[in-house]
Amino acid sequence: MTSVTITEYETRLFWQGARGAVLTSDRAPPVPIGCPLPEPDTANEGRWAPESLLVGAVEGRTLLAFLDRARDAHVPVLFYQSSAVARVVGAPDQPPHLTDLIVRPHVAVSSEADAEEARRIFAELPAHCFPSSIIQLTPRIEPVVETWNVQTHSESPPCP
């Protein structure tokens, strides 16, 4: 018998007039979102553009997928930070569309064998990582993996 898991993610968006809104969820604090107008000096400080939220979601999903696979492969992760960028192209007679989504993790592990395993994990992630299965765009993952010599290993604290 095949087992299927279904997980729902529900959000609510409350428009606040002009180009501002608040995104809410039962499981997270509210996030102010909005896009600045295309005119100079109309910055919408403190608000996330929906496109930035998508990039952040892919970056966060890359982290969690990597950590899960590293744990399963018994690769202790000593350091992880990343940056991500998406490019949106628009033409006068076409709707804007994403052309690239690049995640650049910078990871440190304690041995060259662990570094090779980390590189293998990153190479496999794009085919199995959100948003590849949801939108027709496979993220490119461009990691930097380092080897750090550490005397003792301590487990990272679990997420709250």
C-alpha atoms as a PDB file:
ATOM      1  CA  MET A   1       0.000   0.000   0.000  1.00  0.00           C
ATOM      2  CA  THR A   2       1.299   3.458  -0.914  1.00  0.00           C
ATOM      3  CA  SER A   3       1.308   6.137   1.745  1.00  0.00           C
ATOM      4  CA  VAL A   4       0.620   9.745   0.782  1.00  0.00           C
ATOM      5  CA  THR A   5       1.274  12.727   3.005  1.00  0.00           C
ATOM      6  CA  ILE A   6      -0.655  15.932   2.450  1.00  0.00           C
ATOM      7  CA  THR A   7       0.408  19.135   4.174  1.00  0.00           C
ATOM      8  CA  GLU A   8      -1.486  22.384   3.834  1.00  0.00           C
ATOM      9  CA  TYR A   9      -0.004  25.828   4.259  1.00  0.00           C
ATOM     10  CA  GLU A  10      -2.623  28.516   4.684  1.00  0.00           C
ATOM     11  CA  THR A  11      -2.040  32.234   4.776  1.00  0.00           C
ATOM     12  CA  ARG A  12      -4.324  35.235   4.840  1.00  0.00           C
ATOM     13  CA  LEU A  13      -3.588  38.585   3.256  1.00  0.00           C
ATOM     14  CA  PHE A  14      -5.132  41.793   4.540  1.00  0.00           C
ATOM     15  CA  TRP A  15      -4.904  44.736   2.162  1.00  0.00           C
ATOM     16  CA  GLN A  16      -4.132  48.011   3.911  1.00  0.00           C
ATOM     17  CA  GLY A  17      -4.731  50.369   1.023  1.00  0.00           C
ATOM     18  CA  ALA A  18      -2.464  51.656  -1.718  1.00  0.00           C
ATOM     19  CA  ARG A  19       0.160  48.918  -2.250  1.00  0.00           C
ATOM     20  CA  GLY A  20       0.473  47.632   1.311  1.00  0.00           C
ATOM     21  CA  ALA A  21      -0.829  44.499   3.011  1.00  0.00           C
ATOM     22  CA  VAL A  22      -0.202  42.205   5.979  1.00  0.00           C
ATOM     23  CA  LEU A  23       0.365  38.486   5.435  1.00  0.00           C
ATOM     24  CA  THR A  24      -0.709  36.294   8.340  1.00  0.00           C
ATOM     25  CA  SER A  25      -0.684  32.620   9.251  1.00  0.00           C
ATOM     26  CA  ASP A  26      -1.861  30.645  12.267  1.00  0.00           C
ATOM     27  CA  ARG A  27       1.722  29.492  12.847  1.00  0.00           C
ATOM     28  CA  ALA A  28       3.795  32.663  12.381  1.00  0.00           C
ATOM     29  CA  PRO A  29       3.804  36.365  13.186  1.00  0.00           C
ATOM     30  CA  PRO A  30       2.319  38.808  10.666  1.00  0.00           C
ATOM     31  CA  VAL A  31       4.537  40.033   7.845  1.00  0.00           C
ATOM     32  CA  PRO A  32       3.981  43.452   6.260  1.00  0.00           C
ATOM     33  CA  ILE A  33       4.269  43.156   2.482  1.00  0.00           C
ATOM     34  CA  GLY A  34       3.953  45.501  -0.425  1.00  0.00           C
ATOM     35  CA  CYS A  35       5.759  46.594  -3.510  1.00  0.00           C
ATOM     36  CA  PRO A  36       7.211  50.065  -3.875  1.00  0.00           C
ATOM     37  CA  LEU A  37       5.742  52.096  -6.683  1.00  0.00           C
ATOM     38  CA  PRO A  38       7.985  52.254  -9.749  1.00  0.00           C
ATOM     39  CA  GLU A  39       8.708  55.948  -9.113  1.00  0.00           C
ATOM     40  CA  PRO A  40      11.935  57.125  -7.448  1.00  0.00           C
ATOM     41  CA  ASP A  41      11.812  57.985  -3.743  1.00  0.00           C
ATOM     42  CA  THR A  42       8.736  55.860  -3.061  1.00  0.00           C
ATOM     43  CA  ALA A  43      10.445  53.264  -0.900  1.00  0.00           C
ATOM     44  CA  ASN A  44       8.132  51.081   1.128  1.00  0.00           C
ATOM     45  CA  GLU A  45      10.490  50.408   4.040  1.00  0.00           C
ATOM     46  CA  GLY A  46       9.638  47.573   6.377  1.00  0.00           C
ATOM     47  CA  ARG A  47       7.592  45.713   3.785  1.00  0.00           C
ATOM     48  CA  TRP A  48       8.508  42.625   1.817  1.00  0.00           C
ATOM     49  CA  ALA A  49       7.741  42.357  -1.896  1.00  0.00           C
ATOM     50  CA  PRO A  50       5.914  39.090  -2.698  1.00  0.00           C
ATOM     51  CA  GLU A  51       8.777  38.180  -5.035  1.00  0.00           C
ATOM     52  CA  SER A  52      11.250  38.582  -2.165  1.00  0.00           C
ATOM     53  CA  LEU A  53       9.095  36.295  -0.025  1.00  0.00           C
ATOM     54  CA  LEU A  54       9.259  33.659  -2.784  1.00  0.00           C
ATOM     55  CA  VAL A  55      13.047  33.955  -2.950  1.00  0.00           C
ATOM     56  CA  GLY A  56      13.228  33.735   0.860  1.00  0.00           C
ATOM     57  CA  ALA A  57      10.954  30.687   0.871  1.00  0.00           C
ATOM     58  CA  VAL A  58      13.203  28.892  -1.625  1.00  0.00           C
ATOM     59  CA  GLU A  59      16.303  29.870   0.360  1.00  0.00           C
ATOM     60  CA  GLY A  60      14.744  28.622   3.605  1.00  0.00           C
ATOM     61  CA  ARG A  61      13.537  25.395   1.998  1.00  0.00           C
ATOM     62  CA  THR A  62      17.056  24.816   0.612  1.00  0.00           C
ATOM     63  CA  LEU A  63      18.501  25.151   4.129  1.00  0.00           C
ATOM     64  CA  LEU A  64      16.002  22.741   5.684  1.00  0.00           C
ATOM     65  CA  ALA A  65      16.295  20.179   2.882  1.00  0.00           C
ATOM     66  CA  PHE A  66      20.099  20.298   3.108  1.00  0.00           C
ATOM     67  CA  LEU A  67      20.086  19.934   6.916  1.00  0.00           C
ATOM     68  CA  ASP A  68      17.702  16.950   6.722  1.00  0.00           C
ATOM     69  CA  ARG A  69      19.847  15.189   4.122  1.00  0.00           C
ATOM     70  CA  ALA A  70      23.095  16.048   5.942  1.00  0.00           C
ATOM     71  CA  ARG A  71      21.679  14.581   9.160  1.00  0.00           C
ATOM     72  CA  ASP A  72      20.625  11.399   7.327  1.00  0.00           C
ATOM     73  CA  ALA A  73      24.146  11.149   5.840  1.00  0.00           C
ATOM     74  CA  HIS A  74      25.757  11.758   9.272  1.00  0.00           C
ATOM     75  CA  VAL A  75      27.440  14.977   8.094  1.00  0.00           C
ATOM     76  CA  PRO A  76      27.802  17.438  10.993  1.00  0.00           C
ATOM     77  CA  VAL A  77      27.238  20.988   9.755  1.00  0.00           C
ATOM     78  CA  LEU A  78      29.402  23.562  11.536  1.00  0.00           C
ATOM     79  CA  PHE A  79      28.261  26.689   9.672  1.00  0.00           C
ATOM     80  CA  TYR A  80      25.580  27.633   7.143  1.00  0.00           C
ATOM     81  CA  GLN A  81      24.581  30.940   5.648  1.00  0.00           C
ATOM     82  CA  SER A  82      23.281  31.760   2.214  1.00  0.00           C
ATOM     83  CA  SER A  83      22.125  34.405  -0.196  1.00  0.00           C
ATOM     84  CA  ALA A  84      19.614  34.038  -2.990  1.00  0.00           C
ATOM     85  CA  VAL A  85      18.526  36.016  -6.039  1.00  0.00           C
ATOM     86  CA  ALA A  86      15.735  35.713  -8.573  1.00  0.00           C
ATOM     87  CA  ARG A  87      15.522  37.539 -11.869  1.00  0.00           C
ATOM     88  CA  VAL A  88      12.199  38.715 -13.235  1.00  0.00           C
ATOM     89  CA  VAL A  89      12.067  39.694 -16.907  1.00  0.00           C
ATOM     90  CA  GLY A  90       9.267  41.723 -18.377  1.00  0.00           C
ATOM     91  CA  ALA A  91       8.545  42.875 -21.907  1.00  0.00           C
ATOM     92  CA  PRO A  92       5.898  45.349 -23.074  1.00  0.00           C
ATOM     93  CA  ASP A  93       3.720  42.660 -24.657  1.00  0.00           C
ATOM     94  CA  GLN A  94       4.387  39.828 -22.154  1.00  0.00           C
ATOM     95  CA  PRO A  95       3.733  39.314 -18.455  1.00  0.00           C
ATOM     96  CA  PRO A  96       6.813  39.368 -16.179  1.00  0.00           C
ATOM     97  CA  HIS A  97       8.311  35.933 -15.549  1.00  0.00           C
ATOM     98  CA  LEU A  98      11.097  34.414 -13.468  1.00  0.00           C
ATOM     99  CA  THR A  99      14.129  33.417 -15.489  1.00  0.00           C
ATOM    100  CA  ASP A 100      16.585  32.454 -12.756  1.00  0.00           C
ATOM    101  CA  LEU A 101      16.461  31.491  -9.126  1.00  0.00           C
ATOM    102  CA  ILE A 102      19.913  31.055  -7.597  1.00  0.00           C
ATOM    103  CA  VAL A 103      20.672  30.001  -4.016  1.00  0.00           C
ATOM    104  CA  ARG A 104      24.270  30.371  -2.835  1.00  0.00           C
ATOM    105  CA  PRO A 105      24.829  28.450   0.405  1.00  0.00           C
ATOM    106  CA  HIS A 106      28.136  28.797   2.242  1.00  0.00           C
ATOM    107  CA  VAL A 107      28.687  25.715   4.389  1.00  0.00           C
ATOM    108  CA  ALA A 108      31.478  24.471   6.653  1.00  0.00           C
ATOM    109  CA  VAL A 109      32.013  20.868   7.713  1.00  0.00           C
ATOM    110  CA  SER A 110      34.853  19.197   9.591  1.00  0.00           C
ATOM    111  CA  SER A 111      36.462  16.883   7.015  1.00  0.00           C
ATOM    112  CA  GLU A 112      37.075  16.572   3.313  1.00  0.00           C
ATOM    113  CA  ALA A 113      34.905  13.437   3.226  1.00  0.00           C
ATOM    114  CA  ASP A 114      32.027  15.438   4.771  1.00  0.00           C
ATOM    115  CA  ALA A 115      32.662  18.235   2.247  1.00  0.00           C
ATOM    116  CA  GLU A 116      32.368  15.770  -0.652  1.00  0.00           C
ATOM    117  CA  GLU A 117      29.121  14.417   0.823  1.00  0.00           C
ATOM    118  CA  ALA A 118      27.793  17.984   1.268  1.00  0.00           C
ATOM    119  CA  ARG A 119      28.577  18.747  -2.379  1.00  0.00           C
ATOM    120  CA  ARG A 120      26.759  15.563  -3.435  1.00  0.00           C
ATOM    121  CA  ILE A 121      23.712  16.541  -1.354  1.00  0.00           C
ATOM    122  CA  PHE A 122      23.649  20.024  -2.926  1.00  0.00           C
ATOM    123  CA  ALA A 123      23.938  18.527  -6.416  1.00  0.00           C
ATOM    124  CA  GLU A 124      20.814  16.427  -5.793  1.00  0.00           C
ATOM    125  CA  LEU A 125      18.710  19.102  -4.074  1.00  0.00           C
ATOM    126  CA  PRO A 126      17.315  21.043  -7.067  1.00  0.00           C
ATOM    127  CA  ALA A 127      15.327  18.090  -8.388  1.00  0.00           C
ATOM    128  CA  HIS A 128      13.785  17.376  -4.980  1.00  0.00           C
ATOM    129  CA  CYS A 129      13.484  20.803  -3.392  1.00  0.00           C
ATOM    130  CA  PHE A 130      10.647  23.299  -3.355  1.00  0.00           C
ATOM    131  CA  PRO A 131       9.719  25.064  -5.608  1.00  0.00           C
ATOM    132  CA  SER A 132      10.700  22.597  -8.342  1.00  0.00           C
ATOM    133  CA  SER A 133       7.591  20.547  -7.695  1.00  0.00           C
ATOM    134  CA  ILE A 134       5.258  23.546  -7.428  1.00  0.00           C
ATOM    135  CA  ILE A 135       6.306  26.041 -10.079  1.00  0.00           C
ATOM    136  CA  GLN A 136       7.966  25.383 -13.379  1.00  0.00           C
ATOM    137  CA  LEU A 137      11.343  26.666 -12.250  1.00  0.00           C
ATOM    138  CA  THR A 138      14.147  24.581 -10.836  1.00  0.00           C
ATOM    139  CA  PRO A 139      16.444  26.567  -8.549  1.00  0.00           C
ATOM    140  CA  ARG A 140      20.149  26.480  -9.196  1.00  0.00           C
ATOM    141  CA  ILE A 141      22.115  25.872  -6.030  1.00  0.00           C
ATOM    142  CA  GLU A 142      25.653  27.222  -5.993  1.00  0.00           C
ATOM    143  CA  PRO A 143      27.213  26.215  -2.659  1.00  0.00           C
ATOM    144  CA  VAL A 144      30.513  27.127  -1.080  1.00  0.00           C
ATOM    145  CA  VAL A 145      31.562  24.230   1.176  1.00  0.00           C
ATOM    146  CA  GLU A 146      34.551  24.584   3.495  1.00  0.00           C
ATOM    147  CA  THR A 147      36.426  22.227   5.762  1.00  0.00           C
ATOM    148  CA  TRP A 148      36.979  23.527   9.289  1.00  0.00           C
ATOM    149  CA  ASN A 149      39.161  21.719  11.801  1.00  0.00           C
ATOM    150  CA  VAL A 150      37.245  21.560  15.065  1.00  0.00           C
ATOM    151  CA  GLN A 151      38.307  19.716  18.205  1.00  0.00           C
ATOM    152  CA  THR A 152      34.829  18.931  19.531  1.00  0.00           C
ATOM    153  CA  HIS A 153      31.507  18.588  17.792  1.00  0.00           C
ATOM    154  CA  SER A 154      28.335  19.754  19.431  1.00  0.00           C
ATOM    155  CA  GLU A 155      24.867  19.275  18.082  1.00  0.00           C
ATOM    156  CA  SER A 156      22.974  22.387  17.042  1.00  0.00           C
ATOM    157  CA  PRO A 157      19.989  23.149  19.247  1.00  0.00           C
ATOM    158  CA  PRO A 158      16.656  22.072  17.753  1.00  0.00           C
ATOM    159  CA  CYS A 159      14.321  24.680  16.281  1.00  0.00           C
ATOM    160  CA  PRO A 160      11.908  26.115  18.859  1.00  0.00           C
END
